[in-house]
C-alpha cells in the first residue's frame, strides 16, 4: 500500500490519539479514518512554535474543532500501512483543543 499524500507521515500513535479524541474508540477502521482525516487537516495547518528537542507544534482545524499537531524533524518511521520508511517529517502526537472537551455523540 502506498503512502498517503500529505505534508507529514502520520504515525500510528497520532492516528490512535485522534481516533480516541474524535470517535471515543480505537477500532482499526477508526484509526484508518483518523489517519485520513489527519492527512487532510495537516494540509491547512499553520506553524506555532518549535519546542526544546526540535519538535514543532502546528495548529489545524478539523470539522470537529482545532487541534495541535506535534511534528518531529527528519524522516518518519517505517509506515504502519506501507511497511516502508517515510521520507517526510513525522506527525507524532495530536493535542486536544482544550481540557474538558468531549467527542461528539455517536449515533
N, C-alpha and C. Protein backbone atom coordinates (compact mmCIF):
# COMPACT_ATOMS: atom_id res chain seq x y z
N UNK A 1 0.85 -1.18 0.00
CA UNK A 1 0.00 0.00 0.00
C UNK A 1 0.90 1.24 0.00
N UNK A 2 0.61 2.19 -0.84
CA UNK A 2 1.42 3.40 -0.95
C UNK A 2 1.14 4.36 0.19
N UNK A 3 2.12 5.22 0.45
CA UNK A 3 1.96 6.24 1.48
C UNK A 3 0.94 7.28 1.02
N UNK A 4 0.11 7.74 1.93
CA UNK A 4 -0.91 8.73 1.62
C UNK A 4 -0.25 10.09 1.44
N UNK A 5 -0.69 10.85 0.44
CA UNK A 5 -0.13 12.18 0.19
C UNK A 5 -0.48 13.14 1.31
N UNK A 6 0.46 13.94 1.71
CA UNK A 6 0.27 14.92 2.76
C UNK A 6 1.62 15.46 3.17
N UNK A 7 1.66 16.53 3.96
CA UNK A 7 2.95 17.13 4.31
C UNK A 7 3.79 16.30 5.27
N UNK A 8 3.15 15.42 6.06
CA UNK A 8 3.86 14.65 7.06
C UNK A 8 3.41 13.20 7.01
N UNK A 9 4.30 12.34 7.50
CA UNK A 9 3.93 10.95 7.73
C UNK A 9 3.14 10.91 9.04
N UNK A 10 1.95 10.33 9.04
CA UNK A 10 1.12 10.25 10.25
C UNK A 10 1.43 8.93 10.96
N UNK A 11 2.01 9.01 12.16
CA UNK A 11 2.35 7.81 12.91
C UNK A 11 1.09 7.13 13.45
N UNK A 12 1.22 5.87 13.77
CA UNK A 12 0.10 5.13 14.35
C UNK A 12 -0.32 5.76 15.68
N UNK A 13 0.64 6.20 16.48
CA UNK A 13 0.33 6.83 17.77
C UNK A 13 -0.56 8.06 17.57
N UNK A 14 -0.21 8.91 16.61
CA UNK A 14 -1.01 10.11 16.34
C UNK A 14 -2.41 9.73 15.86
N UNK A 15 -2.50 8.73 14.99
CA UNK A 15 -3.81 8.29 14.50
C UNK A 15 -4.66 7.71 15.64
N UNK A 16 -4.04 6.96 16.54
CA UNK A 16 -4.76 6.42 17.70
C UNK A 16 -5.28 7.54 18.60
N UNK A 17 -4.42 8.55 18.85
CA UNK A 17 -4.84 9.67 19.69
C UNK A 17 -6.03 10.40 19.08
N UNK A 18 -5.97 10.63 17.78
CA UNK A 18 -7.05 11.35 17.11
C UNK A 18 -8.33 10.52 17.07
N UNK A 19 -8.20 9.20 16.84
CA UNK A 19 -9.38 8.32 16.84
C UNK A 19 -10.05 8.34 18.21
N UNK A 20 -9.25 8.29 19.27
CA UNK A 20 -9.78 8.37 20.64
C UNK A 20 -10.50 9.70 20.86
N UNK A 21 -9.88 10.76 20.37
CA UNK A 21 -10.41 12.11 20.57
C UNK A 21 -11.73 12.31 19.81
N UNK A 22 -11.79 11.84 18.58
CA UNK A 22 -12.95 12.09 17.73
C UNK A 22 -14.04 11.03 17.88
N UNK A 23 -13.64 9.77 17.86
CA UNK A 23 -14.61 8.68 17.86
C UNK A 23 -14.83 8.07 19.23
N UNK A 24 -13.92 8.35 20.17
CA UNK A 24 -14.03 7.78 21.50
C UNK A 24 -13.69 6.31 21.56
N UNK A 25 -13.07 5.80 20.52
CA UNK A 25 -12.67 4.38 20.47
C UNK A 25 -11.51 4.23 19.50
N UNK A 26 -10.96 3.00 19.44
CA UNK A 26 -9.74 2.77 18.65
C UNK A 26 -9.83 1.54 17.76
N UNK A 27 -10.94 1.33 17.09
CA UNK A 27 -11.01 0.20 16.17
C UNK A 27 -10.08 0.47 14.99
N UNK A 28 -9.70 -0.56 14.26
CA UNK A 28 -8.83 -0.38 13.11
C UNK A 28 -9.47 0.55 12.08
N UNK A 29 -10.77 0.44 11.89
CA UNK A 29 -11.47 1.33 10.95
C UNK A 29 -11.39 2.79 11.43
N UNK A 30 -11.58 3.01 12.74
CA UNK A 30 -11.49 4.36 13.29
C UNK A 30 -10.08 4.93 13.11
N UNK A 31 -9.07 4.10 13.36
CA UNK A 31 -7.69 4.56 13.23
C UNK A 31 -7.39 4.91 11.77
N UNK A 32 -7.87 4.10 10.85
CA UNK A 32 -7.68 4.38 9.43
C UNK A 32 -8.38 5.67 9.03
N UNK A 33 -9.62 5.85 9.48
CA UNK A 33 -10.37 7.09 9.19
C UNK A 33 -9.69 8.30 9.81
N UNK A 34 -9.19 8.14 11.03
CA UNK A 34 -8.50 9.23 11.72
C UNK A 34 -7.23 9.62 10.95
N UNK A 35 -6.51 8.64 10.47
CA UNK A 35 -5.28 8.91 9.72
C UNK A 35 -5.59 9.70 8.44
N UNK A 36 -6.63 9.29 7.73
CA UNK A 36 -7.01 10.01 6.51
C UNK A 36 -7.42 11.44 6.82
N UNK A 37 -8.17 11.64 7.90
CA UNK A 37 -8.59 12.99 8.27
C UNK A 37 -7.39 13.84 8.69
N UNK A 38 -6.44 13.25 9.43
CA UNK A 38 -5.24 13.98 9.83
C UNK A 38 -4.43 14.44 8.62
N UNK A 39 -4.35 13.59 7.61
CA UNK A 39 -3.63 13.96 6.38
C UNK A 39 -4.29 15.18 5.76
N UNK A 40 -5.61 15.20 5.71
CA UNK A 40 -6.31 16.34 5.11
C UNK A 40 -6.17 17.61 5.93
N UNK A 41 -6.35 17.53 7.25
CA UNK A 41 -6.27 18.76 8.04
C UNK A 41 -4.84 19.27 8.14
N UNK A 42 -3.85 18.37 8.00
CA UNK A 42 -2.45 18.79 8.04
C UNK A 42 -2.11 19.70 6.86
N UNK A 43 -2.82 19.55 5.77
CA UNK A 43 -2.56 20.37 4.58
C UNK A 43 -2.84 21.85 4.82
N UNK A 44 -3.68 22.16 5.80
CA UNK A 44 -4.01 23.56 6.08
C UNK A 44 -3.45 24.04 7.42
N UNK A 45 -2.61 23.24 8.05
CA UNK A 45 -2.04 23.59 9.36
C UNK A 45 -1.09 24.77 9.25
N UNK A 46 -0.98 25.52 10.34
CA UNK A 46 -0.01 26.61 10.38
C UNK A 46 0.92 26.42 11.58
N UNK A 47 2.15 26.86 11.39
CA UNK A 47 3.20 26.70 12.39
C UNK A 47 2.95 27.60 13.60
N UNK A 48 3.12 27.04 14.82
CA UNK A 48 3.00 27.83 16.05
C UNK A 48 4.35 28.07 16.70
N UNK A 49 5.09 27.00 16.97
CA UNK A 49 6.36 27.17 17.68
C UNK A 49 7.22 25.91 17.57
N UNK A 50 8.51 26.09 17.90
CA UNK A 50 9.44 24.97 17.98
C UNK A 50 9.71 24.70 19.46
N UNK A 51 9.57 23.45 19.87
CA UNK A 51 9.79 23.04 21.25
C UNK A 51 11.26 22.66 21.45
N UNK A 52 11.67 22.58 22.72
CA UNK A 52 13.00 22.07 23.01
C UNK A 52 13.09 20.66 22.46
N UNK A 53 14.22 20.30 21.94
CA UNK A 53 14.37 18.97 21.35
C UNK A 53 14.04 18.96 19.87
N UNK A 54 13.58 20.10 19.33
CA UNK A 54 13.38 20.20 17.89
C UNK A 54 11.98 19.90 17.36
N UNK A 55 11.08 19.41 18.20
CA UNK A 55 9.73 19.14 17.70
C UNK A 55 9.00 20.45 17.44
N UNK A 56 8.15 20.45 16.44
CA UNK A 56 7.36 21.62 16.09
C UNK A 56 5.90 21.41 16.47
N UNK A 57 5.25 22.47 16.87
CA UNK A 57 3.82 22.42 17.17
C UNK A 57 3.10 23.24 16.10
N UNK A 58 2.13 22.62 15.48
CA UNK A 58 1.32 23.24 14.44
C UNK A 58 -0.13 23.25 14.90
N UNK A 59 -0.94 24.14 14.36
CA UNK A 59 -2.37 24.20 14.67
C UNK A 59 -3.15 23.96 13.39
N UNK A 60 -4.20 23.18 13.50
CA UNK A 60 -5.05 22.89 12.35
C UNK A 60 -6.50 22.79 12.81
N UNK A 61 -7.40 22.96 11.88
CA UNK A 61 -8.83 22.84 12.18
C UNK A 61 -9.39 21.64 11.44
N UNK A 62 -10.20 20.88 12.16
CA UNK A 62 -10.93 19.78 11.54
C UNK A 62 -12.39 20.17 11.52
N UNK A 63 -13.23 19.27 11.03
CA UNK A 63 -14.67 19.56 11.05
C UNK A 63 -15.20 19.59 12.48
N UNK A 64 -14.46 19.05 13.42
CA UNK A 64 -14.91 18.97 14.81
C UNK A 64 -14.40 20.13 15.66
N UNK A 65 -13.14 20.51 15.47
CA UNK A 65 -12.51 21.52 16.34
C UNK A 65 -11.10 21.79 15.88
N UNK A 66 -10.41 22.69 16.57
CA UNK A 66 -8.98 22.93 16.30
C UNK A 66 -8.16 21.95 17.13
N UNK A 67 -7.06 21.50 16.55
CA UNK A 67 -6.17 20.58 17.26
C UNK A 67 -4.73 21.04 17.09
N UNK A 68 -3.89 20.63 18.04
CA UNK A 68 -2.46 20.85 17.93
C UNK A 68 -1.82 19.61 17.33
N UNK A 69 -0.85 19.81 16.48
CA UNK A 69 -0.14 18.71 15.84
C UNK A 69 1.34 18.83 16.18
N UNK A 70 1.92 17.76 16.71
CA UNK A 70 3.33 17.76 17.07
C UNK A 70 4.09 16.99 16.00
N UNK A 71 5.06 17.67 15.38
CA UNK A 71 5.80 17.11 14.26
C UNK A 71 7.27 17.00 14.63
N UNK A 72 7.85 15.82 14.41
CA UNK A 72 9.27 15.58 14.65
C UNK A 72 10.04 15.84 13.37
N UNK A 73 11.21 16.44 13.52
CA UNK A 73 12.05 16.69 12.36
C UNK A 73 12.61 15.39 11.81
N UNK A 74 13.00 15.44 10.56
CA UNK A 74 13.62 14.28 9.95
C UNK A 74 12.60 13.31 9.42
N UNK A 75 13.06 12.27 8.77
CA UNK A 75 12.14 11.32 8.16
C UNK A 75 11.35 10.54 9.20
N UNK A 76 10.14 10.20 8.83
CA UNK A 76 9.27 9.43 9.71
C UNK A 76 9.72 7.98 9.79
N UNK A 77 9.11 7.24 10.70
CA UNK A 77 9.45 5.82 10.87
C UNK A 77 8.89 4.97 9.74
N UNK A 78 9.13 3.69 9.82
CA UNK A 78 8.57 2.77 8.83
C UNK A 78 7.05 2.85 8.90
N UNK A 79 6.41 2.99 7.76
CA UNK A 79 4.96 3.18 7.70
C UNK A 79 4.19 1.99 8.21
N UNK A 80 3.15 2.27 9.03
CA UNK A 80 2.38 1.15 9.56
C UNK A 80 1.42 0.59 8.51
N UNK A 81 1.17 1.32 7.45
CA UNK A 81 0.35 0.77 6.36
C UNK A 81 1.22 0.21 5.23
N UNK A 82 2.30 0.94 4.92
CA UNK A 82 3.10 0.55 3.76
C UNK A 82 4.25 -0.38 4.08
N UNK A 83 4.79 -0.30 5.33
CA UNK A 83 5.93 -1.13 5.69
C UNK A 83 7.25 -0.59 5.18
N UNK A 84 7.25 0.61 4.58
CA UNK A 84 8.49 1.21 4.10
C UNK A 84 8.75 2.52 4.84
N UNK A 85 10.04 2.90 4.98
CA UNK A 85 10.34 4.15 5.67
C UNK A 85 9.76 5.35 4.92
N UNK A 86 9.33 6.34 5.67
CA UNK A 86 8.83 7.57 5.07
C UNK A 86 9.96 8.57 4.93
N UNK A 87 9.90 9.40 3.92
CA UNK A 87 10.91 10.44 3.73
C UNK A 87 10.40 11.79 4.27
N UNK A 88 9.22 11.80 4.87
CA UNK A 88 8.62 13.02 5.38
C UNK A 88 8.87 13.16 6.88
N UNK A 89 8.77 14.39 7.40
CA UNK A 89 8.75 14.54 8.86
C UNK A 89 7.54 13.78 9.41
N UNK A 90 7.60 13.39 10.67
CA UNK A 90 6.55 12.55 11.24
C UNK A 90 5.63 13.33 12.16
N UNK A 91 4.33 13.20 11.93
CA UNK A 91 3.32 13.72 12.87
C UNK A 91 3.25 12.69 14.00
N UNK A 92 3.75 13.07 15.19
CA UNK A 92 3.92 12.10 16.27
C UNK A 92 2.88 12.19 17.37
N UNK A 93 2.14 13.30 17.45
CA UNK A 93 1.13 13.44 18.51
C UNK A 93 0.07 14.45 18.09
N UNK A 94 -1.13 14.25 18.64
CA UNK A 94 -2.25 15.16 18.42
C UNK A 94 -2.67 15.68 19.78
N UNK A 95 -2.71 17.00 19.91
CA UNK A 95 -3.07 17.63 21.18
C UNK A 95 -4.53 18.02 21.18
N UNK A 96 -5.21 17.74 22.27
CA UNK A 96 -6.61 18.09 22.43
C UNK A 96 -6.77 19.60 22.36
N UNK A 97 -7.89 20.07 21.83
CA UNK A 97 -8.08 21.52 21.70
C UNK A 97 -8.16 22.23 23.05
N UNK A 98 -8.68 21.59 24.05
CA UNK A 98 -8.74 22.18 25.39
C UNK A 98 -9.19 21.13 26.39
N UNK A 99 -8.93 21.39 27.65
CA UNK A 99 -9.35 20.45 28.69
C UNK A 99 -10.87 20.40 28.78
N UNK A 100 -11.38 19.25 29.07
CA UNK A 100 -12.82 19.09 29.23
C UNK A 100 -13.57 18.88 27.93
N UNK A 101 -12.85 18.90 26.78
CA UNK A 101 -13.52 18.68 25.51
C UNK A 101 -14.00 17.24 25.42
N UNK A 102 -15.18 17.04 24.91
CA UNK A 102 -15.74 15.70 24.75
C UNK A 102 -16.01 15.44 23.27
N UNK A 103 -15.78 14.22 22.79
CA UNK A 103 -16.06 13.92 21.38
C UNK A 103 -17.56 14.04 21.13
N UNK A 104 -17.95 14.26 19.86
CA UNK A 104 -19.37 14.34 19.53
C UNK A 104 -20.08 13.03 19.85
N UNK A 105 -21.35 13.10 20.12
CA UNK A 105 -22.14 11.90 20.41
C UNK A 105 -22.15 10.97 19.22
N UNK A 106 -22.00 9.70 19.48
CA UNK A 106 -22.03 8.71 18.42
C UNK A 106 -23.45 8.23 18.19
N UNK A 107 -23.77 7.98 16.93
CA UNK A 107 -25.13 7.51 16.61
C UNK A 107 -25.27 6.04 16.93
